[in-house]
Amino acid sequence: MIGALIRADVHGWVSPGAPRRAAALARKDAVLSHTGNGVYGAMWAAALVAAAFTAPTPRRRWTRR
């Protein structure tokens, strides 16, 4: 099942530069229809999109502040 993963990117778009917030929003969404790795995958995708807004280069790794 990848429904939550498909929906996850919107949580990153509404949380630019805030990957933890994006992951939390994605989790709230994903648990409605998924469990386990389905939830974790959605959280990862949302955090990745959110972090991409503030990364100085495509290869730069996001670090905790």
PDB file of N, CA and C in Angstrom:
ATOM      1  N   MET A   1       0.838  -1.185   0.000  1.00  0.00           N
ATOM      2  CA  MET A   1       0.000   0.000   0.000  1.00  0.00           C
ATOM      3  C   MET A   1       0.880   1.245   0.000  1.00  0.00           C
ATOM      4  N   ILE A   2       0.643   2.128  -0.932  1.00  0.00           N
ATOM      5  CA  ILE A   2       1.455   3.332  -1.001  1.00  0.00           C
ATOM      6  C   ILE A   2       0.617   4.612  -0.973  1.00  0.00           C
ATOM      7  N   GLY A   3      -0.618   4.505  -0.607  1.00  0.00           N
ATOM      8  CA  GLY A   3      -1.487   5.678  -0.601  1.00  0.00           C
ATOM      9  C   GLY A   3      -0.953   6.808   0.256  1.00  0.00           C
ATOM     10  N   ALA A   4      -0.489   6.497   1.461  1.00  0.00           N
ATOM     11  CA  ALA A   4       0.035   7.538   2.349  1.00  0.00           C
ATOM     12  C   ALA A   4       1.307   8.132   1.781  1.00  0.00           C
ATOM     13  N   LEU A   5       2.125   7.326   1.130  1.00  0.00           N
ATOM     14  CA  LEU A   5       3.353   7.831   0.527  1.00  0.00           C
ATOM     15  C   LEU A   5       3.029   8.811  -0.600  1.00  0.00           C
ATOM     16  N   ILE A   6       2.006   8.526  -1.355  1.00  0.00           N
ATOM     17  CA  ILE A   6       1.594   9.414  -2.440  1.00  0.00           C
ATOM     18  C   ILE A   6       1.105  10.754  -1.892  1.00  0.00           C
ATOM     19  N   ARG A   7       0.441  10.721  -0.754  1.00  0.00           N
ATOM     20  CA  ARG A   7      -0.087  11.952  -0.142  1.00  0.00           C
ATOM     21  C   ARG A   7       0.955  12.712   0.673  1.00  0.00           C
ATOM     22  N   ALA A   8       2.069  12.094   0.997  1.00  0.00           N
ATOM     23  CA  ALA A   8       3.037  12.654   1.951  1.00  0.00           C
ATOM     24  C   ALA A   8       3.707  13.933   1.484  1.00  0.00           C
ATOM     25  N   ASP A   9       3.939  14.090   0.213  1.00  0.00           N
ATOM     26  CA  ASP A   9       4.693  15.254  -0.239  1.00  0.00           C
ATOM     27  C   ASP A   9       4.010  16.576   0.100  1.00  0.00           C
ATOM     28  N   VAL A  10       2.702  16.585   0.148  1.00  0.00           N
ATOM     29  CA  VAL A  10       1.998  17.824   0.482  1.00  0.00           C
ATOM     30  C   VAL A  10       2.365  18.310   1.881  1.00  0.00           C
ATOM     31  N   HIS A  11       2.650  17.408   2.789  1.00  0.00           N
ATOM     32  CA  HIS A  11       3.039  17.801   4.150  1.00  0.00           C
ATOM     33  C   HIS A  11       4.406  18.474   4.141  1.00  0.00           C
ATOM     34  N   GLY A  12       5.270  18.056   3.251  1.00  0.00           N
ATOM     35  CA  GLY A  12       6.557  18.732   3.090  1.00  0.00           C
ATOM     36  C   GLY A  12       6.399  20.113   2.464  1.00  0.00           C
ATOM     37  N   TRP A  13       5.493  20.235   1.506  1.00  0.00           N
ATOM     38  CA  TRP A  13       5.268  21.526   0.848  1.00  0.00           C
ATOM     39  C   TRP A  13       4.738  22.572   1.828  1.00  0.00           C
ATOM     40  N   VAL A  14       3.909  22.151   2.772  1.00  0.00           N
ATOM     41  CA  VAL A  14       3.349  23.118   3.726  1.00  0.00           C
ATOM     42  C   VAL A  14       4.247  23.325   4.943  1.00  0.00           C
ATOM     43  N   SER A  15       5.388  22.632   4.972  1.00  0.00           N
ATOM     44  CA  SER A  15       6.339  22.764   6.082  1.00  0.00           C
ATOM     45  C   SER A  15       7.751  22.997   5.559  1.00  0.00           C
ATOM     46  N   PRO A  16       7.964  23.979   4.695  1.00  0.00           N
ATOM     47  CA  PRO A  16       9.301  24.180   4.128  1.00  0.00           C
ATOM     48  C   PRO A  16      10.330  24.476   5.212  1.00  0.00           C
ATOM     49  N   GLY A  17      11.407  23.700   5.214  1.00  0.00           N
ATOM     50  CA  GLY A  17      12.466  23.885   6.203  1.00  0.00           C
ATOM     51  C   GLY A  17      12.175  23.289   7.568  1.00  0.00           C
ATOM     52  N   ALA A  18      11.062  22.591   7.716  1.00  0.00           N
ATOM     53  CA  ALA A  18      10.681  22.006   9.008  1.00  0.00           C
ATOM     54  C   ALA A  18      10.374  20.519   8.841  1.00  0.00           C
ATOM     55  N   PRO A  19      11.413  19.698   8.646  1.00  0.00           N
ATOM     56  CA  PRO A  19      11.173  18.278   8.393  1.00  0.00           C
ATOM     57  C   PRO A  19      10.487  17.530   9.536  1.00  0.00           C
ATOM     58  N   ARG A  20      10.748  17.930  10.758  1.00  0.00           N
ATOM     59  CA  ARG A  20      10.079  17.259  11.892  1.00  0.00           C
ATOM     60  C   ARG A  20       8.578  17.528  11.869  1.00  0.00           C
ATOM     61  N   ARG A  21       8.221  18.765  11.584  1.00  0.00           N
ATOM     62  CA  ARG A  21       6.793  19.105  11.496  1.00  0.00           C
ATOM     63  C   ARG A  21       6.139  18.351  10.345  1.00  0.00           C
ATOM     64  N   ALA A  22       6.822  18.297   9.206  1.00  0.00           N
ATOM     65  CA  ALA A  22       6.285  17.589   8.047  1.00  0.00           C
ATOM     66  C   ALA A  22       6.073  16.112   8.357  1.00  0.00           C
ATOM     67  N   ALA A  23       7.049  15.501   9.033  1.00  0.00           N
ATOM     68  CA  ALA A  23       6.929  14.087   9.397  1.00  0.00           C
ATOM     69  C   ALA A  23       5.767  13.866  10.356  1.00  0.00           C
ATOM     70  N   ALA A  24       5.592  14.773  11.295  1.00  0.00           N
ATOM     71  CA  ALA A  24       4.486  14.644  12.251  1.00  0.00           C
ATOM     72  C   ALA A  24       3.138  14.743  11.541  1.00  0.00           C
ATOM     73  N   LEU A  25       3.020  15.682  10.609  1.00  0.00           N
ATOM     74  CA  LEU A  25       1.774  15.810   9.853  1.00  0.00           C
ATOM     75  C   LEU A  25       1.517  14.564   9.007  1.00  0.00           C
ATOM     76  N   ALA A  26       2.567  14.056   8.381  1.00  0.00           N
ATOM     77  CA  ALA A  26       2.423  12.857   7.550  1.00  0.00           C
ATOM     78  C   ALA A  26       2.015  11.657   8.396  1.00  0.00           C
ATOM     79  N   ARG A  27       2.540  11.561   9.610  1.00  0.00           N
ATOM     80  CA  ARG A  27       2.176  10.450  10.491  1.00  0.00           C
ATOM     81  C   ARG A  27       0.687  10.498  10.822  1.00  0.00           C
ATOM     82  N   LYS A  28       0.195  11.688  11.160  1.00  0.00           N
ATOM     83  CA  LYS A  28      -1.233  11.825  11.477  1.00  0.00           C
ATOM     84  C   LYS A  28      -2.109  11.379  10.312  1.00  0.00           C
ATOM     85  N   ASP A  29      -1.663  11.685   9.114  1.00  0.00           N
ATOM     86  CA  ASP A  29      -2.401  11.287   7.916  1.00  0.00           C
ATOM     87  C   ASP A  29      -2.274   9.784   7.675  1.00  0.00           C
ATOM     88  N   ALA A  30      -1.055   9.276   7.729  1.00  0.00           N
ATOM     89  CA  ALA A  30      -0.790   7.889   7.339  1.00  0.00           C
ATOM     90  C   ALA A  30      -1.434   6.855   8.260  1.00  0.00           C
ATOM     91  N   VAL A  31      -1.513   7.147   9.556  1.00  0.00           N
ATOM     92  CA  VAL A  31      -2.065   6.143  10.477  1.00  0.00           C
ATOM     93  C   VAL A  31      -3.551   5.878  10.244  1.00  0.00           C
ATOM     94  N   LEU A  32      -4.197   6.733   9.460  1.00  0.00           N
ATOM     95  CA  LEU A  32      -5.603   6.505   9.144  1.00  0.00           C
ATOM     96  C   LEU A  32      -5.797   5.302   8.218  1.00  0.00           C
ATOM     97  N   SER A  33      -4.769   5.007   7.417  1.00  0.00           N
ATOM     98  CA  SER A  33      -4.920   3.930   6.443  1.00  0.00           C
ATOM     99  C   SER A  33      -3.760   2.932   6.419  1.00  0.00           C
ATOM    100  N   HIS A  34      -2.699   3.179   7.188  1.00  0.00           N
ATOM    101  CA  HIS A  34      -1.513   2.337   7.122  1.00  0.00           C
ATOM    102  C   HIS A  34      -0.972   2.017   8.508  1.00  0.00           C
ATOM    103  N   THR A  35      -0.050   1.057   8.541  1.00  0.00           N
ATOM    104  CA  THR A  35       0.675   0.709   9.764  1.00  0.00           C
ATOM    105  C   THR A  35       2.142   0.520   9.403  1.00  0.00           C
ATOM    106  N   GLY A  36       2.976   0.438  10.411  1.00  0.00           N
ATOM    107  CA  GLY A  36       4.384   0.100  10.232  1.00  0.00           C
ATOM    108  C   GLY A  36       5.119   0.888   9.170  1.00  0.00           C
ATOM    109  N   ASN A  37       5.725   0.166   8.231  1.00  0.00           N
ATOM    110  CA  ASN A  37       6.548   0.795   7.216  1.00  0.00           C
ATOM    111  C   ASN A  37       5.777   1.743   6.309  1.00  0.00           C
ATOM    112  N   GLY A  38       4.487   1.546   6.164  1.00  0.00           N
ATOM    113  CA  GLY A  38       3.679   2.485   5.391  1.00  0.00           C
ATOM    114  C   GLY A  38       3.670   3.861   6.029  1.00  0.00           C
ATOM    115  N   VAL A  39       3.612   3.886   7.350  1.00  0.00           N
ATOM    116  CA  VAL A  39       3.643   5.147   8.090  1.00  0.00           C
ATOM    117  C   VAL A  39       5.045   5.749   8.024  1.00  0.00           C
ATOM    118  N   TYR A  40       6.063   4.920   8.272  1.00  0.00           N
ATOM    119  CA  TYR A  40       7.444   5.417   8.274  1.00  0.00           C
ATOM    120  C   TYR A  40       7.846   5.953   6.903  1.00  0.00           C
ATOM    121  N   GLY A  41       7.420   5.305   5.853  1.00  0.00           N
ATOM    122  CA  GLY A  41       7.734   5.767   4.502  1.00  0.00           C
ATOM    123  C   GLY A  41       7.131   7.129   4.219  1.00  0.00           C
ATOM    124  N   ALA A  42       5.913   7.338   4.657  1.00  0.00           N
ATOM    125  CA  ALA A  42       5.256   8.627   4.467  1.00  0.00           C
ATOM    126  C   ALA A  42       5.967   9.719   5.264  1.00  0.00           C
ATOM    127  N   MET A  43       6.364   9.392   6.482  1.00  0.00           N
ATOM    128  CA  MET A  43       7.083  10.360   7.309  1.00  0.00           C
ATOM    129  C   MET A  43       8.406  10.743   6.662  1.00  0.00           C
ATOM    130  N   TRP A  44       9.114   9.760   6.136  1.00  0.00           N
ATOM    131  CA  TRP A  44      10.406  10.002   5.486  1.00  0.00           C
ATOM    132  C   TRP A  44      10.226  10.904   4.267  1.00  0.00           C
ATOM    133  N   ALA A  45       9.250  10.591   3.423  1.00  0.00           N
ATOM    134  CA  ALA A  45       9.037  11.368   2.208  1.00  0.00           C
ATOM    135  C   ALA A  45       8.677  12.816   2.541  1.00  0.00           C
ATOM    136  N   ALA A  46       7.826  13.021   3.522  1.00  0.00           N
ATOM    137  CA  ALA A  46       7.429  14.378   3.902  1.00  0.00           C
ATOM    138  C   ALA A  46       8.623  15.160   4.442  1.00  0.00           C
ATOM    139  N   ALA A  47       9.426  14.529   5.282  1.00  0.00           N
ATOM    140  CA  ALA A  47      10.607  15.194   5.836  1.00  0.00           C
ATOM    141  C   ALA A  47      11.605  15.528   4.736  1.00  0.00           C
ATOM    142  N   LEU A  48      11.757  14.649   3.784  1.00  0.00           N
ATOM    143  CA  LEU A  48      12.686  14.873   2.677  1.00  0.00           C
ATOM    144  C   LEU A  48      12.273  16.092   1.852  1.00  0.00           C
ATOM    145  N   VAL A  49      11.005  16.209   1.549  1.00  0.00           N
ATOM    146  CA  VAL A  49      10.517  17.359   0.771  1.00  0.00           C
ATOM    147  C   VAL A  49      10.711  18.647   1.571  1.00  0.00           C
ATOM    148  N   ALA A  50      10.382  18.625   2.849  1.00  0.00           N
ATOM    149  CA  ALA A  50      10.535  19.820   3.686  1.00  0.00           C
ATOM    150  C   ALA A  50      11.995  20.248   3.773  1.00  0.00           C
ATOM    151  N   ALA A  51      12.895  19.307   3.933  1.00  0.00           N
ATOM    152  CA  ALA A  51      14.319  19.627   4.047  1.00  0.00           C
ATOM    153  C   ALA A  51      14.882  20.153   2.736  1.00  0.00           C
ATOM    154  N   ALA A  52      14.333  19.729   1.626  1.00  0.00           N
ATOM    155  CA  ALA A  52      14.837  20.155   0.322  1.00  0.00           C
ATOM    156  C   ALA A  52      14.711  21.664   0.119  1.00  0.00           C
ATOM    157  N   PHE A  53      13.763  22.292   0.774  1.00  0.00           N
ATOM    158  CA  PHE A  53      13.575  23.732   0.618  1.00  0.00           C
ATOM    159  C   PHE A  53      14.744  24.548   1.163  1.00  0.00           C
ATOM    160  N   THR A  54      15.465  24.019   2.130  1.00  0.00           N
ATOM    161  CA  THR A  54      16.531  24.783   2.775  1.00  0.00           C
ATOM    162  C   THR A  54      17.920  24.213   2.523  1.00  0.00           C
ATOM    163  N   ALA A  55      18.031  23.144   1.799  1.00  0.00           N
ATOM    164  CA  ALA A  55      19.345  22.572   1.509  1.00  0.00           C
ATOM    165  C   ALA A  55      20.089  23.487   0.536  1.00  0.00           C
ATOM    166  N   PRO A  56      21.327  23.853   0.844  1.00  0.00           N
ATOM    167  CA  PRO A  56      22.063  24.751  -0.038  1.00  0.00           C
ATOM    168  C   PRO A  56      22.442  24.113  -1.378  1.00  0.00           C
ATOM    169  N   THR A  57      22.578  22.788  -1.395  1.00  0.00           N
ATOM    170  CA  THR A  57      22.893  22.068  -2.631  1.00  0.00           C
ATOM    171  C   THR A  57      22.142  20.743  -2.613  1.00  0.00           C
ATOM    172  N   PRO A  58      21.978  20.112  -3.760  1.00  0.00           N
ATOM    173  CA  PRO A  58      21.289  18.817  -3.783  1.00  0.00           C
ATOM    174  C   PRO A  58      21.993  17.741  -2.955  1.00  0.00           C
ATOM    175  N   ARG A  59      23.297  17.848  -2.755  1.00  0.00           N
ATOM    176  CA  ARG A  59      24.045  16.834  -2.008  1.00  0.00           C
ATOM    177  C   ARG A  59      24.202  17.143  -0.527  1.00  0.00           C
ATOM    178  N   ARG A  60      23.784  18.314  -0.098  1.00  0.00           N
ATOM    179  CA  ARG A  60      23.953  18.694   1.303  1.00  0.00           C
ATOM    180  C   ARG A  60      23.025  17.882   2.201  1.00  0.00           C
ATOM    181  N   ARG A  61      23.539  17.327   3.272  1.00  0.00           N
ATOM    182  CA  ARG A  61      22.740  16.554   4.216  1.00  0.00           C
ATOM    183  C   ARG A  61      22.115  17.474   5.242  1.00  0.00           C
ATOM    184  N   TRP A  62      20.891  17.178   5.624  1.00  0.00           N
ATOM    185  CA  TRP A  62      20.210  17.953   6.637  1.00  0.00           C
ATOM    186  C   TRP A  62      20.734  17.514   7.991  1.00  0.00           C
ATOM    187  N   THR A  63      21.033  18.461   8.864  1.00  0.00           N
ATOM    188  CA  THR A  63      21.492  18.149  10.214  1.00  0.00           C
ATOM    189  C   THR A  63      20.585  18.825  11.212  1.00  0.00           C
ATOM    190  N   ARG A  64      20.552  18.282  12.411  1.00  0.00           N
ATOM    191  CA  ARG A  64      19.711  18.864  13.464  1.00  0.00           C
ATOM    192  C   ARG A  64      20.257  20.219  13.843  1.00  0.00           C
ATOM    193  N   ARG A  65      19.350  21.103  14.209  1.00  0.00           N
ATOM    194  CA  ARG A  65      19.754  22.453  14.645  1.00  0.00           C
ATOM    195  C   ARG A  65      19.551  22.600  16.111  1.00  0.00           C
TER     196      ARG A  65
END
